[in-house]
Each structure stands twice: as C-alpha cells, then as structure tokens.
Amino acid sequence: MNIESDNVNQVEIIYEDEFLVAINKEAGLLVHRSWLDKAETRFALQLTRDAVGCHVFPVHRLDRPTSGVLLFAKSADVARTLTEAFTTRKVTIFGGGTRLYARARIC
C-alpha cells in the first residue's frame, strides 16, 4: 500500500452536515474539470464526492493557485440558494485573527 499516493487522492473535510461539505482546498487544485489543464486528473469536486459518498455541487470557486475553504452543497437546490446568497452579497464574512465566520441571510 502506497500511503503517499493515497494522500494525493484525499481532501481535508473541515465541516460536514446533511446539507453542506466544506473542504480545505490546497493551492494548485482545480475545483472542477477545466480547459485550463486538460491533462489534470485531480479535482476538488471529484475528491470531495468520493470522500462523502454522494454528489456535491460547488457553491463558489477558488482560483487554482488559491488555497482556502471551499464549500459544496449536497443538493442542487441548496447550491442554488447559497450561490445566489454569495452573488447578491447576502453572505457576511466576519471575525479576526485565525478564525473567520460566515453568516447568510437566505430567507
């Protein structure tokens, strides 16, 4: 068993509930398949789906060179609602130091 290659095909899940999954996206990882690199075989979307065992839908994207929290919904409806909240700036990021928090007004 090659532990190093197994770690390459994993993502760090930092939060999960019945609606959402948040991962720690490493720099260099594409969120999903893209024309930017047709030869790439690792994608956050696929790795997250494999880790949680269900389809996931990206709520937002992070550029390839950017690391950080990437949020996936476990249904298209939740993804649509949260994507709209991000787009219309109904998601507020607050905090300081090493902790940031998000609050969404989606009702």
C-alpha atoms as a PDB file:
ATOM      1  CA  MET A   1       0.000   0.000   0.000  1.00  0.00           C
ATOM      2  CA  ASN A   2       1.405   3.382  -1.008  1.00  0.00           C
ATOM      3  CA  ILE A   3       0.346   5.879   1.674  1.00  0.00           C
ATOM      4  CA  GLU A   4       1.800   8.844  -0.210  1.00  0.00           C
ATOM      5  CA  SER A   5      -0.317   8.202  -3.322  1.00  0.00           C
ATOM      6  CA  ASP A   6      -3.420   7.602  -1.150  1.00  0.00           C
ATOM      7  CA  ASN A   7      -2.989  11.045   0.448  1.00  0.00           C
ATOM      8  CA  VAL A   8      -2.804  12.657  -3.003  1.00  0.00           C
ATOM      9  CA  ASN A   9      -6.355  11.469  -3.682  1.00  0.00           C
ATOM     10  CA  GLN A  10      -7.888  12.812  -0.475  1.00  0.00           C
ATOM     11  CA  VAL A  11      -9.257  16.144   0.679  1.00  0.00           C
ATOM     12  CA  GLU A  12      -9.382  17.525   4.191  1.00  0.00           C
ATOM     13  CA  ILE A  13     -13.029  17.824   5.220  1.00  0.00           C
ATOM     14  CA  ILE A  14     -13.329  20.578   7.799  1.00  0.00           C
ATOM     15  CA  TYR A  15     -17.132  20.602   8.106  1.00  0.00           C
ATOM     16  CA  GLU A  16     -19.973  18.332   7.040  1.00  0.00           C
ATOM     17  CA  ASP A  17     -23.675  18.127   7.776  1.00  0.00           C
ATOM     18  CA  GLU A  18     -26.735  16.852   5.895  1.00  0.00           C
ATOM     19  CA  PHE A  19     -26.673  19.854   3.509  1.00  0.00           C
ATOM     20  CA  LEU A  20     -23.051  21.009   3.165  1.00  0.00           C
ATOM     21  CA  VAL A  21     -19.433  19.925   2.984  1.00  0.00           C
ATOM     22  CA  ALA A  22     -16.527  22.340   3.478  1.00  0.00           C
ATOM     23  CA  ILE A  23     -13.023  21.309   2.491  1.00  0.00           C
ATOM     24  CA  ASN A  24      -9.592  22.820   2.875  1.00  0.00           C
ATOM     25  CA  LYS A  25      -8.651  23.295  -0.807  1.00  0.00           C
ATOM     26  CA  GLU A  26      -4.924  23.155  -1.397  1.00  0.00           C
ATOM     27  CA  ALA A  27      -3.249  25.595  -3.764  1.00  0.00           C
ATOM     28  CA  GLY A  28      -2.886  24.110  -7.229  1.00  0.00           C
ATOM     29  CA  LEU A  29      -6.060  22.016  -7.086  1.00  0.00           C
ATOM     30  CA  LEU A  30      -8.756  22.814  -9.661  1.00  0.00           C
ATOM     31  CA  VAL A  31     -12.337  22.962  -8.357  1.00  0.00           C
ATOM     32  CA  HIS A  32     -13.645  21.012 -11.392  1.00  0.00           C
ATOM     33  CA  ARG A  33     -12.577  19.885 -14.860  1.00  0.00           C
ATOM     34  CA  SER A  34     -11.482  22.792 -16.985  1.00  0.00           C
ATOM     35  CA  TRP A  35      -9.928  23.671 -20.307  1.00  0.00           C
ATOM     36  CA  LEU A  36      -7.175  25.347 -18.238  1.00  0.00           C
ATOM     37  CA  ASP A  37      -5.464  21.973 -17.851  1.00  0.00           C
ATOM     38  CA  LYS A  38      -6.942  19.145 -19.889  1.00  0.00           C
ATOM     39  CA  ALA A  39      -4.307  16.728 -18.571  1.00  0.00           C
ATOM     40  CA  GLU A  40      -5.213  17.289 -14.882  1.00  0.00           C
ATOM     41  CA  THR A  41      -6.755  14.277 -13.155  1.00  0.00           C
ATOM     42  CA  ARG A  42      -7.391  15.614  -9.621  1.00  0.00           C
ATOM     43  CA  PHE A  43     -10.339  17.928  -8.924  1.00  0.00           C
ATOM     44  CA  ALA A  44     -11.811  19.133  -5.632  1.00  0.00           C
ATOM     45  CA  LEU A  45     -15.319  18.247  -6.804  1.00  0.00           C
ATOM     46  CA  GLN A  46     -14.452  14.619  -7.573  1.00  0.00           C
ATOM     47  CA  LEU A  47     -12.255  14.131  -4.491  1.00  0.00           C
ATOM     48  CA  THR A  48     -14.995  15.539  -2.234  1.00  0.00           C
ATOM     49  CA  ARG A  49     -17.682  13.404  -3.874  1.00  0.00           C
ATOM     50  CA  ASP A  50     -15.532  10.311  -3.365  1.00  0.00           C
ATOM     51  CA  ALA A  51     -14.852  11.243   0.280  1.00  0.00           C
ATOM     52  CA  VAL A  52     -18.504  11.813   1.276  1.00  0.00           C
ATOM     53  CA  GLY A  53     -20.107   9.230  -0.998  1.00  0.00           C
ATOM     54  CA  CYS A  54     -22.659  11.459  -2.721  1.00  0.00           C
ATOM     55  CA  HIS A  55     -22.900  14.057  -5.460  1.00  0.00           C
ATOM     56  CA  VAL A  56     -21.733  17.517  -4.421  1.00  0.00           C
ATOM     57  CA  PHE A  57     -22.308  20.892  -6.054  1.00  0.00           C
ATOM     58  CA  PRO A  58     -19.861  23.805  -5.775  1.00  0.00           C
ATOM     59  CA  VAL A  59     -21.336  26.870  -4.082  1.00  0.00           C
ATOM     60  CA  HIS A  60     -18.425  29.086  -5.142  1.00  0.00           C
ATOM     61  CA  ARG A  61     -14.974  28.668  -6.683  1.00  0.00           C
ATOM     62  CA  LEU A  62     -11.432  29.409  -5.683  1.00  0.00           C
ATOM     63  CA  ASP A  63      -8.792  30.048  -8.323  1.00  0.00           C
ATOM     64  CA  ARG A  64      -6.326  27.248  -8.882  1.00  0.00           C
ATOM     65  CA  PRO A  65      -3.386  28.958  -7.114  1.00  0.00           C
ATOM     66  CA  THR A  66      -5.594  29.874  -4.127  1.00  0.00           C
ATOM     67  CA  SER A  67      -5.913  27.728  -1.016  1.00  0.00           C
ATOM     68  CA  GLY A  68      -8.769  28.048   1.438  1.00  0.00           C
ATOM     69  CA  VAL A  69     -12.213  26.865   2.434  1.00  0.00           C
ATOM     70  CA  LEU A  70     -14.285  25.562  -0.459  1.00  0.00           C
ATOM     71  CA  LEU A  71     -17.979  24.960   0.145  1.00  0.00           C
ATOM     72  CA  PHE A  72     -20.042  22.263  -1.568  1.00  0.00           C
ATOM     73  CA  ALA A  73     -23.770  21.616  -1.246  1.00  0.00           C
ATOM     74  CA  LYS A  74     -25.182  18.103  -1.199  1.00  0.00           C
ATOM     75  CA  SER A  75     -28.145  19.065  -3.407  1.00  0.00           C
ATOM     76  CA  ALA A  76     -28.685  21.308  -6.402  1.00  0.00           C
ATOM     77  CA  ASP A  77     -31.372  23.278  -4.525  1.00  0.00           C
ATOM     78  CA  VAL A  78     -29.065  24.116  -1.614  1.00  0.00           C
ATOM     79  CA  ALA A  79     -26.263  25.016  -4.034  1.00  0.00           C
ATOM     80  CA  ARG A  80     -28.574  27.333  -5.981  1.00  0.00           C
ATOM     81  CA  THR A  81     -29.756  29.101  -2.824  1.00  0.00           C
ATOM     82  CA  LEU A  82     -26.254  29.581  -1.428  1.00  0.00           C
ATOM     83  CA  THR A  83     -24.753  30.601  -4.778  1.00  0.00           C
ATOM     84  CA  GLU A  84     -27.411  33.293  -5.051  1.00  0.00           C
ATOM     85  CA  ALA A  85     -26.637  34.419  -1.486  1.00  0.00           C
ATOM     86  CA  PHE A  86     -22.935  34.757  -2.358  1.00  0.00           C
ATOM     87  CA  THR A  87     -23.744  36.527  -5.649  1.00  0.00           C
ATOM     88  CA  THR A  88     -26.070  39.061  -4.016  1.00  0.00           C
ATOM     89  CA  ARG A  89     -23.671  39.552  -1.095  1.00  0.00           C
ATOM     90  CA  LYS A  90     -26.079  38.161   1.471  1.00  0.00           C
ATOM     91  CA  VAL A  91     -23.185  36.189   2.961  1.00  0.00           C
ATOM     92  CA  THR A  92     -21.249  38.142   5.539  1.00  0.00           C
ATOM     93  CA  ILE A  93     -17.711  37.143   6.496  1.00  0.00           C
ATOM     94  CA  PHE A  94     -16.608  38.369   9.919  1.00  0.00           C
ATOM     95  CA  GLY A  95     -14.041  37.593  12.552  1.00  0.00           C
ATOM     96  CA  GLY A  96     -10.391  38.180  13.089  1.00  0.00           C
ATOM     97  CA  GLY A  97      -7.138  36.540  13.966  1.00  0.00           C
ATOM     98  CA  THR A  98      -7.149  32.943  12.830  1.00  0.00           C
ATOM     99  CA  ARG A  99     -10.934  32.500  12.708  1.00  0.00           C
ATOM    100  CA  LEU A 100     -13.407  33.735  10.132  1.00  0.00           C
ATOM    101  CA  TYR A 101     -17.140  33.140  10.274  1.00  0.00           C
ATOM    102  CA  ALA A 102     -19.824  33.394   7.639  1.00  0.00           C
ATOM    103  CA  ARG A 103     -23.460  34.245   8.159  1.00  0.00           C
ATOM    104  CA  ALA A 104     -26.003  34.005   5.348  1.00  0.00           C
ATOM    105  CA  ARG A 105     -29.342  35.769   5.158  1.00  0.00           C
ATOM    106  CA  ILE A 106     -31.138  33.448   2.748  1.00  0.00           C
ATOM    107  CA  CYS A 107     -34.732  33.641   3.928  1.00  0.00           C
END
